[in-house]
Amino acid sequence: QVQLVESGGGLVQAGGSLRLSCAASGRTVSSDIMGWFRQAPGKEREFVAAMTWNGVSTYYADSVKGRFSISRDNAKNTVYLQMNSLKLEDTAVYYCAADRSIPGLRVRIPHEYEYWGQGTQVTVSS
């Protein structure tokens, strides 16, 4: 079993930055695929970013490419999402997810992930 706990959300003005953290416990996730998703009110959960265990491959949604950056510290069993140049449309609950193995582009599909955090709210104001 893996427990994931997100932190770092909050209220920020458009154009600002936030860094989300996702701390894993229960077992090491150093070999897992780690992903970030978000869900705005009335919308489906959508893919934001993902990273393979060794950091060689990273994946981003087109809407955040160039603004968000995913990273991980396997020694701390933690994954991060650095969010820069935030826009109003980035407002959502952000979720961290993990799974031992997900093939290729299926990292963008929520139900491929076995473990999920409880989410952290990010609100971008004008």
Foldseek 3Di string as FASTA:
>chain_A
DKAKAKDFADEAAAQAKIKMKIAIDDDQQLQKKKFKWWDDPPGDIWGAKIAGSVRPDIDGDPVQPPFWDWDDDSVRSMIMIIGGNHDQVVWTWMKMFIDNDDDDPCVGPVVVTDYIYPTDTHGYHD
